Structures are given as C-alpha cells and as structure tokens.
C-alpha cells in the first residue's frame, strides 16, 4: 500500500461524517465497523485487480 491520500479540510469533514455513520450502523462498535470495512475493501480490491488483469484472447 504505497499510495498516500491527502485530504483538504472539506474532504476530511465529509470522511469523518461517513465514518461516524458507519460506526453508528454497527451500534457504536468501532472495531466491528473497522473489520467490516477491511473485508469490504478486500472484496473491492479483488474485483479491481480482476478488471485490471491483462485480458487473454480466446
């Protein structure tokens, strides 16, 4: 993971709001929310990797 993302204050505030909502969906359990986010990101990364893989011609 070599990508560093820099956010301006508006983006940071929006991200913070989404994070609070995501934790609220997990009844305030930040660890449970983090675990789910890690799993979701893993699934999405797998799909992206599949899309970016060189395509073979049949």
N, C-alpha and C. Protein backbone atom coordinates (compact mmCIF):
# COMPACT_ATOMS: atom_id res chain seq x y z
N UNK A 1 0.85 -1.17 0.00
CA UNK A 1 0.00 0.00 0.00
C UNK A 1 0.89 1.23 0.00
N UNK A 2 1.29 1.68 -1.16
CA UNK A 2 2.22 2.80 -1.29
C UNK A 2 1.54 4.13 -1.59
N UNK A 3 0.23 4.13 -1.68
CA UNK A 3 -0.49 5.33 -2.04
C UNK A 3 -0.82 6.15 -0.79
N UNK A 4 -0.43 7.41 -0.80
CA UNK A 4 -0.77 8.32 0.29
C UNK A 4 -1.81 9.29 -0.22
N UNK A 5 -2.93 9.35 0.47
CA UNK A 5 -4.02 10.22 0.07
C UNK A 5 -4.02 11.45 0.97
N UNK A 6 -4.06 12.61 0.36
CA UNK A 6 -4.12 13.85 1.13
C UNK A 6 -5.50 14.47 0.94
N UNK A 7 -6.12 14.84 2.04
CA UNK A 7 -7.47 15.41 2.01
C UNK A 7 -7.43 16.85 2.45
N UNK A 8 -8.27 17.67 1.82
CA UNK A 8 -8.41 19.03 2.32
C UNK A 8 -9.42 19.00 3.47
N UNK A 9 -9.62 20.10 4.14
CA UNK A 9 -10.47 20.13 5.34
C UNK A 9 -11.91 19.75 5.03
N UNK A 10 -12.41 20.13 3.87
CA UNK A 10 -13.79 19.78 3.49
C UNK A 10 -13.92 18.27 3.29
N UNK A 11 -12.95 17.67 2.61
CA UNK A 11 -12.97 16.23 2.40
C UNK A 11 -12.81 15.47 3.72
N UNK A 12 -11.96 15.98 4.58
CA UNK A 12 -11.75 15.35 5.89
C UNK A 12 -13.04 15.37 6.69
N UNK A 13 -13.76 16.48 6.66
CA UNK A 13 -15.03 16.59 7.39
C UNK A 13 -16.06 15.62 6.83
N UNK A 14 -16.12 15.50 5.51
CA UNK A 14 -17.06 14.57 4.88
C UNK A 14 -16.71 13.13 5.25
N UNK A 15 -15.43 12.79 5.22
CA UNK A 15 -14.99 11.45 5.59
C UNK A 15 -15.33 11.15 7.05
N UNK A 16 -15.12 12.12 7.91
CA UNK A 16 -15.43 11.95 9.33
C UNK A 16 -16.91 11.67 9.53
N UNK A 17 -17.76 12.40 8.81
CA UNK A 17 -19.21 12.19 8.92
C UNK A 17 -19.61 10.79 8.48
N UNK A 18 -19.03 10.33 7.38
CA UNK A 18 -19.33 8.98 6.89
C UNK A 18 -18.84 7.94 7.89
N UNK A 19 -17.67 8.16 8.46
CA UNK A 19 -17.13 7.22 9.44
C UNK A 19 -18.05 7.12 10.66
N UNK A 20 -18.55 8.26 11.13
CA UNK A 20 -19.47 8.24 12.28
C UNK A 20 -20.74 7.47 11.95
N UNK A 21 -21.26 7.67 10.74
CA UNK A 21 -22.48 6.95 10.33
C UNK A 21 -22.22 5.44 10.24
N UNK A 22 -21.05 5.06 9.70
CA UNK A 22 -20.72 3.65 9.55
C UNK A 22 -20.59 2.99 10.92
N UNK A 23 -19.96 3.69 11.86
CA UNK A 23 -19.84 3.15 13.22
C UNK A 23 -21.21 3.07 13.87
N UNK A 24 -22.06 4.05 13.64
CA UNK A 24 -23.41 4.02 14.20
C UNK A 24 -24.19 2.82 13.67
N UNK A 25 -23.98 2.45 12.40
CA UNK A 25 -24.64 1.27 11.84
C UNK A 25 -24.24 0.00 12.59
N UNK A 26 -23.08 0.03 13.22
CA UNK A 26 -22.58 -1.12 13.98
C UNK A 26 -22.78 -0.90 15.48
N UNK A 27 -23.80 -0.11 15.79
CA UNK A 27 -24.19 0.16 17.18
C UNK A 27 -23.04 0.68 18.03
N UNK A 28 -22.20 1.53 17.42
CA UNK A 28 -21.12 2.17 18.14
C UNK A 28 -19.87 1.34 18.31
N UNK A 29 -19.85 0.13 17.76
CA UNK A 29 -18.68 -0.75 17.89
C UNK A 29 -17.69 -0.45 16.77
N UNK A 30 -16.69 0.39 17.09
CA UNK A 30 -15.73 0.82 16.07
C UNK A 30 -14.89 -0.33 15.54
N UNK A 31 -14.55 -1.29 16.39
CA UNK A 31 -13.74 -2.43 15.95
C UNK A 31 -14.53 -3.28 14.96
N UNK A 32 -15.78 -3.52 15.25
CA UNK A 32 -16.63 -4.30 14.34
C UNK A 32 -16.77 -3.58 13.00
N UNK A 33 -16.96 -2.27 13.05
CA UNK A 33 -17.08 -1.47 11.82
C UNK A 33 -15.79 -1.53 11.02
N UNK A 34 -14.65 -1.42 11.70
CA UNK A 34 -13.36 -1.48 11.02
C UNK A 34 -13.15 -2.84 10.37
N UNK A 35 -13.49 -3.91 11.06
CA UNK A 35 -13.36 -5.25 10.49
C UNK A 35 -14.20 -5.39 9.23
N UNK A 36 -15.44 -4.90 9.28
CA UNK A 36 -16.29 -5.00 8.10
C UNK A 36 -15.72 -4.18 6.94
N UNK A 37 -15.20 -3.00 7.25
CA UNK A 37 -14.63 -2.16 6.20
C UNK A 37 -13.41 -2.84 5.56
N UNK A 38 -12.60 -3.50 6.36
CA UNK A 38 -11.44 -4.22 5.83
C UNK A 38 -11.89 -5.33 4.88
N UNK A 39 -12.92 -6.07 5.28
CA UNK A 39 -13.43 -7.15 4.43
C UNK A 39 -14.01 -6.57 3.14
N UNK A 40 -14.80 -5.50 3.25
CA UNK A 40 -15.39 -4.89 2.06
C UNK A 40 -14.30 -4.38 1.11
N UNK A 41 -13.28 -3.74 1.66
CA UNK A 41 -12.19 -3.24 0.83
C UNK A 41 -11.45 -4.38 0.15
N UNK A 42 -11.29 -5.50 0.85
CA UNK A 42 -10.64 -6.66 0.26
C UNK A 42 -11.41 -7.19 -0.93
N UNK A 43 -12.74 -7.26 -0.79
CA UNK A 43 -13.58 -7.72 -1.91
C UNK A 43 -13.48 -6.75 -3.09
N UNK A 44 -13.54 -5.46 -2.80
CA UNK A 44 -13.46 -4.47 -3.87
C UNK A 44 -12.09 -4.50 -4.56
N UNK A 45 -11.02 -4.66 -3.78
CA UNK A 45 -9.69 -4.72 -4.36
C UNK A 45 -9.56 -5.94 -5.27
N UNK A 46 -10.14 -7.05 -4.85
CA UNK A 46 -10.11 -8.25 -5.68
C UNK A 46 -10.82 -8.03 -7.00
N UNK A 47 -11.95 -7.35 -6.97
CA UNK A 47 -12.68 -7.06 -8.21
C UNK A 47 -11.89 -6.11 -9.10
N UNK A 48 -11.27 -5.09 -8.49
CA UNK A 48 -10.46 -4.16 -9.28
C UNK A 48 -9.27 -4.87 -9.92
N UNK A 49 -8.62 -5.73 -9.14
CA UNK A 49 -7.49 -6.49 -9.68
C UNK A 49 -7.92 -7.34 -10.85
N UNK A 50 -9.11 -7.93 -10.76
CA UNK A 50 -9.63 -8.75 -11.85
C UNK A 50 -9.91 -7.94 -13.10
N UNK A 51 -10.35 -6.71 -12.91
CA UNK A 51 -10.62 -5.84 -14.06
C UNK A 51 -9.35 -5.35 -14.72
N UNK A 52 -8.29 -5.20 -13.92
CA UNK A 52 -7.04 -4.65 -14.44
C UNK A 52 -6.11 -5.72 -14.98
N UNK A 53 -6.43 -6.98 -14.77
CA UNK A 53 -5.57 -8.06 -15.25
C UNK A 53 -5.56 -8.06 -16.77
N UNK A 54 -4.43 -8.40 -17.36
CA UNK A 54 -4.36 -8.46 -18.83
C UNK A 54 -5.38 -9.47 -19.36
N UNK A 55 -6.04 -9.09 -20.38
CA UNK A 55 -7.07 -9.95 -20.95
C UNK A 55 -6.47 -10.86 -22.01
N UNK A 56 -6.89 -12.12 -21.98
CA UNK A 56 -6.44 -13.06 -23.00
C UNK A 56 -7.49 -13.18 -24.08
N UNK A 57 -7.03 -13.31 -25.28
CA UNK A 57 -7.95 -13.51 -26.40
C UNK A 57 -8.19 -14.99 -26.57
N UNK A 58 -9.45 -15.40 -26.73
CA UNK A 58 -9.74 -16.84 -26.91
C UNK A 58 -9.28 -17.37 -28.25
